[in-house]
């Protein structure tokens, strides 16, 4: 049984009379110890999908109108408040984009980590355990950092504190939602290396949310590319990065700088992700697709996500031509 199984998840915002579909039929699985990267531009639905795993999207205004989210075989969408408190942190923990916004500025970092321990492992809610966690995530002089406030730490240190908080409850699944967005390039590399090392040492599964295909090659086992609330391509990381098939995946790959290439200007994807409630009638990528002039029927026909090769799925009417 997979650790996580999402089946045909559908989530809407707005009123029932005028629903705005944000997640449309997303299906994913994640095995214990596996790393799955969810990739796509801002506004594609990546973070909403990730927050839905523990039902953290406020409802209302959100409504889960279909599908299942199975964690260890139990449907999160059918859990009561008490059951949700058990899985939030206990089974799945989160690392968010902006550590400075996620940490409480008026409490010392040691107290904030200890609070997570008190909720899920009260017997371990000691300074000794907090120091162990700070050392685990590579914070030097952990004993003195215990009493620091968030503003006394750099952005990279704050993110390490967030990782320590997420690990305090020993979760089975770690969700990292753009964990390096607010950091400079050298610190990004350190945080990603730390996450990969911790995942291997602690045996966790990890769902990494990012818009940057350039950072996932060394950390991902599988890649899922998301566009306009749908999965458009899903494959092993090595295969997808070597041979992207969907036009959107290829466009994302082309926008990543390549070492040794003297390109003065990187190719850009024309247009933007459509707004909620304004999805195109046919293929949602059609208005931006470079193949659109040759396939006008894509504007009216809705493509399905099909398995064109073993363990490889693509959402395109002309998937066979892409091989």
Protein backbone atom coordinates (compact mmCIF):
# COMPACT_ATOMS: atom_id res chain seq x y z
CA UNK A 1 0.00 0.00 0.00
CA UNK A 2 1.41 3.46 -0.91
CA UNK A 3 2.05 5.90 1.93
CA UNK A 4 0.06 8.54 0.03
CA UNK A 5 -2.53 8.00 -2.67
CA UNK A 6 -4.50 10.85 -4.21
CA UNK A 7 -7.40 9.69 -6.36
CA UNK A 8 -9.14 12.10 -8.75
CA UNK A 9 -8.99 15.03 -6.32
CA UNK A 10 -11.29 17.94 -7.16
CA UNK A 11 -11.28 21.19 -5.22
CA UNK A 12 -13.27 24.35 -5.87
CA UNK A 13 -13.41 27.89 -4.55
CA UNK A 14 -16.25 30.37 -4.74
CA UNK A 15 -19.98 29.71 -4.48
CA UNK A 16 -21.77 26.58 -5.60
CA UNK A 17 -23.56 28.68 -8.22
CA UNK A 18 -20.25 29.97 -9.66
CA UNK A 19 -17.57 27.41 -8.70
CA UNK A 20 -13.94 28.10 -9.55
CA UNK A 21 -12.11 24.81 -10.07
CA UNK A 22 -8.56 24.93 -8.64
CA UNK A 23 -7.69 21.20 -8.62
CA UNK A 24 -9.25 19.10 -11.36
CA UNK A 25 -8.89 15.34 -11.21
CA UNK A 26 -5.37 15.11 -9.74
CA UNK A 27 -4.17 11.56 -9.03
CA UNK A 28 -0.76 10.80 -7.49
CA UNK A 29 0.91 8.12 -5.39
CA UNK A 30 3.93 8.34 -3.11
CA UNK A 31 5.69 5.32 -1.66
CA UNK A 32 7.42 5.25 1.73
CA UNK A 33 10.93 6.69 1.39
CA UNK A 34 10.28 8.11 -2.09
CA UNK A 35 10.76 11.71 -3.25
CA UNK A 36 8.18 13.13 -5.64
CA UNK A 37 8.65 16.62 -7.07
CA UNK A 38 5.59 18.59 -8.18
CA UNK A 39 6.67 21.15 -10.76
CA UNK A 40 4.92 24.01 -12.53
CA UNK A 41 4.53 27.78 -12.75
CA UNK A 42 2.92 29.86 -10.02
CA UNK A 43 -0.85 29.52 -10.14
CA UNK A 44 -0.88 25.92 -11.41
CA UNK A 45 -2.28 24.48 -8.16
CA UNK A 46 0.85 22.93 -6.65
CA UNK A 47 0.58 24.48 -3.18
CA UNK A 48 -3.18 23.92 -2.96
CA UNK A 49 -2.62 20.25 -3.77
CA UNK A 50 0.08 20.00 -1.10
CA UNK A 51 -2.01 21.76 1.56
CA UNK A 52 -4.92 19.47 0.79
CA UNK A 53 -2.95 16.45 2.04
CA UNK A 54 -3.71 17.51 5.62
CA UNK A 55 -6.82 19.53 4.74
CA UNK A 56 -5.10 22.82 5.48
CA UNK A 57 -6.97 24.75 2.79
CA UNK A 58 -9.67 26.70 4.70
CA UNK A 59 -13.16 25.37 4.00
CA UNK A 60 -15.00 27.60 3.23
CA UNK A 61 -14.04 29.13 0.83
CA UNK A 62 -12.58 25.85 -0.49
CA UNK A 63 -14.77 22.80 -1.14
CA UNK A 64 -13.53 19.28 -1.73
CA UNK A 65 -16.09 18.11 -4.26
CA UNK A 66 -14.60 14.79 -5.32
CA UNK A 67 -11.84 12.24 -4.93
CA UNK A 68 -9.89 10.74 -2.06
CA UNK A 69 -6.65 11.51 -0.22
CA UNK A 70 -5.42 8.31 1.41
CA UNK A 71 -2.66 8.52 4.03
CA UNK A 72 -1.70 5.05 5.23
CA UNK A 73 -5.00 3.88 3.75
CA UNK A 74 -7.17 6.41 5.65
CA UNK A 75 -9.13 9.04 3.72
CA UNK A 76 -8.18 12.52 4.96
CA UNK A 77 -11.34 14.01 3.45
CA UNK A 78 -13.47 11.91 5.81
CA UNK A 79 -11.51 12.61 9.01
CA UNK A 80 -12.93 14.57 11.93
CA UNK A 81 -11.09 17.40 13.69
CA UNK A 82 -9.43 15.10 16.24
CA UNK A 83 -8.13 12.74 13.57
CA UNK A 84 -6.80 15.66 11.53
CA UNK A 85 -4.83 16.96 14.53
CA UNK A 86 -3.14 13.56 14.77
CA UNK A 87 -1.96 13.48 11.16
CA UNK A 88 -0.94 17.16 11.02
CA UNK A 89 2.65 16.90 12.13
CA UNK A 90 2.30 13.32 13.30
CA UNK A 91 2.12 11.81 9.81
CA UNK A 92 2.70 14.73 7.44
CA UNK A 93 4.76 17.85 8.24
CA UNK A 94 5.29 20.99 6.18
CA UNK A 95 8.15 23.35 5.36
CA UNK A 96 6.79 26.56 3.86
CA UNK A 97 8.23 29.13 1.47
CA UNK A 98 8.90 32.07 3.79
CA UNK A 99 10.47 31.02 7.11
CA UNK A 100 10.38 34.61 8.40
CA UNK A 101 6.61 34.64 7.92
CA UNK A 102 6.08 31.15 9.36
CA UNK A 103 8.07 31.63 12.57
CA UNK A 104 6.46 33.61 15.38
CA UNK A 105 8.63 36.74 15.91
CA UNK A 106 7.84 37.08 19.65
CA UNK A 107 8.85 33.55 20.73
CA UNK A 108 12.34 32.09 20.95
CA UNK A 109 13.11 29.41 18.37
CA UNK A 110 13.67 26.80 21.07
CA UNK A 111 10.17 27.39 22.44
CA UNK A 112 8.63 27.05 18.99
CA UNK A 113 10.35 23.73 18.34
CA UNK A 114 9.41 22.52 21.83
CA UNK A 115 5.74 23.34 21.13
CA UNK A 116 5.77 20.89 18.22
CA UNK A 117 7.26 18.24 20.51
CA UNK A 118 4.64 18.88 23.19
CA UNK A 119 1.84 18.30 20.69
CA UNK A 120 3.10 15.00 19.28
CA UNK A 121 5.83 13.64 21.57
CA UNK A 122 5.40 15.28 25.00
CA UNK A 123 7.93 12.96 26.65
CA UNK A 124 10.65 14.45 24.42
CA UNK A 125 9.72 18.12 24.98
CA UNK A 126 13.05 19.03 26.57
CA UNK A 127 15.86 21.44 25.82
CA UNK A 128 18.11 18.46 25.21
CA UNK A 129 15.87 17.19 22.39
CA UNK A 130 15.54 20.68 20.88
CA UNK A 131 19.33 21.02 20.84
CA UNK A 132 19.59 17.60 19.18
CA UNK A 133 17.17 18.71 16.45
CA UNK A 134 19.04 21.98 15.88
CA UNK A 135 22.29 20.04 15.52
CA UNK A 136 20.58 17.57 13.20
CA UNK A 137 19.74 20.35 10.75
CA UNK A 138 23.25 21.77 10.89
CA UNK A 139 22.85 24.82 13.13
CA UNK A 140 26.19 25.60 14.85
CA UNK A 141 26.33 26.49 18.56
CA UNK A 142 22.86 25.01 18.99
CA UNK A 143 22.90 25.52 22.76
CA UNK A 144 23.11 29.31 22.36
CA UNK A 145 20.73 29.46 19.38
CA UNK A 146 18.07 27.87 21.57
CA UNK A 147 17.23 31.28 23.07
CA UNK A 148 17.48 33.34 19.88
CA UNK A 149 14.49 35.06 18.35
CA UNK A 150 13.81 34.53 14.61
CA UNK A 151 15.04 38.02 13.68
CA UNK A 152 18.46 37.15 15.10
CA UNK A 153 18.92 34.40 12.51
CA UNK A 154 19.72 34.59 8.81
CA UNK A 155 17.22 33.36 6.21
CA UNK A 156 19.07 30.08 5.83
CA UNK A 157 19.16 29.57 9.61
CA UNK A 158 15.45 30.34 9.87
CA UNK A 159 14.71 27.71 7.24
CA UNK A 160 16.81 25.18 9.16
CA UNK A 161 14.73 25.96 12.26
CA UNK A 162 11.58 25.34 10.21
CA UNK A 163 13.01 21.97 9.12
CA UNK A 164 13.80 21.12 12.76
CA UNK A 165 10.18 21.93 13.71
CA UNK A 166 8.89 19.74 10.89
CA UNK A 167 11.11 16.82 11.96
CA UNK A 168 10.31 17.10 15.67
CA UNK A 169 7.25 14.86 15.38
CA UNK A 170 9.09 12.26 13.25
CA UNK A 171 6.65 12.43 10.31
CA UNK A 172 6.38 9.77 7.63
CA UNK A 173 5.88 12.41 4.91
CA UNK A 174 7.66 15.76 4.64
CA UNK A 175 6.09 18.36 2.33
CA UNK A 176 8.56 21.06 1.28
CA UNK A 177 6.69 23.88 -0.48
CA UNK A 178 9.24 25.99 -2.38
CA UNK A 179 11.67 25.71 0.58
CA UNK A 180 14.43 27.69 -1.16
CA UNK A 181 12.47 30.50 -2.83
CA UNK A 182 13.49 33.27 -0.41
CA UNK A 183 17.14 32.20 -0.20
CA UNK A 184 20.20 33.03 -2.28
CA UNK A 185 21.69 30.42 -4.60
CA UNK A 186 24.42 29.09 -2.32
CA UNK A 187 22.01 28.71 0.62
CA UNK A 188 19.47 27.03 -1.70
CA UNK A 189 22.01 24.34 -2.50
CA UNK A 190 22.77 23.81 1.19
CA UNK A 191 19.08 23.46 2.13
CA UNK A 192 18.40 20.99 -0.69
CA UNK A 193 21.46 18.93 0.27
CA UNK A 194 20.28 18.96 3.89
CA UNK A 195 16.77 17.79 2.93
CA UNK A 196 18.17 14.96 0.83
CA UNK A 197 20.51 13.86 3.63
CA UNK A 198 17.76 13.97 6.28
CA UNK A 199 15.37 12.05 4.06
CA UNK A 200 17.89 9.23 3.65
CA UNK A 201 18.88 9.15 7.33
CA UNK A 202 15.33 9.26 8.69
CA UNK A 203 13.62 7.17 5.99
CA UNK A 204 10.91 9.73 5.21
CA UNK A 205 8.99 10.22 2.00
CA UNK A 206 9.14 13.75 0.61
CA UNK A 207 6.92 15.84 -1.63
CA UNK A 208 8.91 18.78 -2.99
CA UNK A 209 6.99 21.66 -4.56
CA UNK A 210 8.94 23.86 -6.97
CA UNK A 211 8.71 25.84 -10.20
CA UNK A 212 12.38 25.26 -11.00
CA UNK A 213 13.26 22.07 -12.90
CA UNK A 214 16.92 22.95 -12.51
CA UNK A 215 17.03 21.93 -8.82
CA UNK A 216 15.27 18.56 -8.91
CA UNK A 217 17.66 16.31 -10.83
CA UNK A 218 19.66 15.24 -7.75
CA UNK A 219 16.78 14.99 -5.29
CA UNK A 220 13.72 13.53 -7.09
CA UNK A 221 12.79 9.92 -7.77
CA UNK A 222 9.74 10.92 -9.82
CA UNK A 223 8.47 14.17 -11.33
CA UNK A 224 4.89 15.33 -11.79
CA UNK A 225 4.39 18.40 -13.98
CA UNK A 226 1.27 20.41 -13.17
CA UNK A 227 -0.53 22.99 -15.28
CA UNK A 228 -3.86 24.76 -14.68
CA UNK A 229 -4.99 22.39 -11.93
CA UNK A 230 -4.09 19.18 -13.79
CA UNK A 231 -1.15 16.78 -14.01
CA UNK A 232 0.14 16.99 -17.59
CA UNK A 233 3.16 14.66 -17.34
CA UNK A 234 4.33 12.10 -14.79
CA UNK A 235 7.45 9.93 -15.03
CA UNK A 236 10.67 8.98 -13.31
CA UNK A 237 12.90 12.00 -12.80
CA UNK A 238 15.76 10.60 -14.87
CA UNK A 239 13.52 9.75 -17.82
CA UNK A 240 11.53 12.96 -17.79
CA UNK A 241 14.60 15.19 -17.56
CA UNK A 242 16.33 13.20 -20.31
CA UNK A 243 13.32 13.14 -22.65
CA UNK A 244 10.48 15.52 -21.78
CA UNK A 245 7.39 14.82 -23.89
CA UNK A 246 4.59 17.26 -23.09
CA UNK A 247 5.03 20.70 -24.80
CA UNK A 248 4.69 22.43 -21.42
CA UNK A 249 7.41 20.27 -19.85
CA UNK A 250 9.67 20.97 -22.81
CA UNK A 251 9.04 24.70 -22.46
CA UNK A 252 9.93 24.57 -18.76
CA UNK A 253 13.11 22.64 -19.56
CA UNK A 254 14.13 25.13 -22.25
CA UNK A 255 13.84 28.00 -19.77
CA UNK A 256 16.49 26.48 -17.46
CA UNK A 257 20.04 27.85 -18.02
CA UNK A 258 22.49 25.18 -19.18
CA UNK A 259 26.16 25.20 -18.19
CA UNK A 260 28.43 25.82 -21.17
CA UNK A 261 25.72 27.19 -23.45
CA UNK A 262 26.33 30.74 -24.62
CA UNK A 263 22.67 31.70 -25.02
CA UNK A 264 22.16 35.43 -24.49
CA UNK A 265 18.44 35.11 -23.89
CA UNK A 266 16.53 32.08 -22.59
CA UNK A 267 13.30 31.06 -24.36
CA UNK A 268 10.17 32.23 -22.53
CA UNK A 269 6.72 30.65 -22.48
CA UNK A 270 4.34 33.11 -24.09
CA UNK A 271 1.24 34.17 -22.19
CA UNK A 272 0.43 33.16 -18.62
CA UNK A 273 -1.37 30.48 -16.62
CA UNK A 274 -5.15 31.01 -17.09
CA UNK A 275 -7.13 32.32 -14.13
CA UNK A 276 -9.47 30.16 -12.10
CA UNK A 277 -12.80 29.87 -13.86
CA UNK A 278 -11.27 30.85 -17.18
CA UNK A 279 -9.86 27.49 -18.30
CA UNK A 280 -9.81 26.99 -22.08
CA UNK A 281 -12.51 24.61 -23.34
CA UNK A 282 -10.11 22.04 -24.79
CA UNK A 283 -6.47 21.52 -23.85
CA UNK A 284 -5.61 24.03 -21.14
CA UNK A 285 -2.14 24.62 -22.54
CA UNK A 286 -3.41 25.14 -26.08
CA UNK A 287 -3.29 29.00 -26.07
CA UNK A 288 0.43 28.86 -25.21
CA UNK A 289 1.42 25.66 -27.01
CA UNK A 290 3.97 25.97 -29.85
CA UNK A 291 2.22 23.06 -31.61
CA UNK A 292 -1.16 24.83 -31.62
CA UNK A 293 -1.03 26.13 -35.22
CA UNK A 294 -0.69 22.52 -36.49
CA UNK A 295 -3.46 21.13 -34.27
CA UNK A 296 -6.44 23.52 -34.10
CA UNK A 297 -8.69 20.70 -32.83
CA UNK A 298 -6.90 20.90 -29.46
CA UNK A 299 -8.91 24.05 -28.76
CA UNK A 300 -12.10 21.98 -28.49
CA UNK A 301 -11.08 18.44 -27.45
CA UNK A 302 -10.17 17.71 -23.83
CA UNK A 303 -7.07 15.46 -23.50
CA UNK A 304 -6.91 12.64 -20.95
CA UNK A 305 -3.86 11.66 -18.93
CA UNK A 306 -2.77 8.44 -20.64
CA UNK A 307 0.04 5.97 -19.95
CA UNK A 308 1.97 6.00 -23.20
CA UNK A 309 4.88 3.97 -21.78
CA UNK A 310 5.22 1.86 -18.62
CA UNK A 311 5.00 4.24 -15.62
CA UNK A 312 4.91 7.28 -17.88
CA UNK A 313 1.81 9.43 -18.32
CA UNK A 314 1.17 12.40 -20.62
CA UNK A 315 -1.92 14.59 -21.07
CA UNK A 316 -1.89 15.44 -24.77
CA UNK A 317 -4.12 14.52 -27.74
CA UNK A 318 -0.97 13.90 -29.77
CA UNK A 319 1.03 12.10 -27.11
CA UNK A 320 2.14 9.40 -29.55
CA UNK A 321 3.68 12.04 -31.83
CA UNK A 322 5.72 13.40 -28.92
CA UNK A 323 7.64 10.15 -28.35
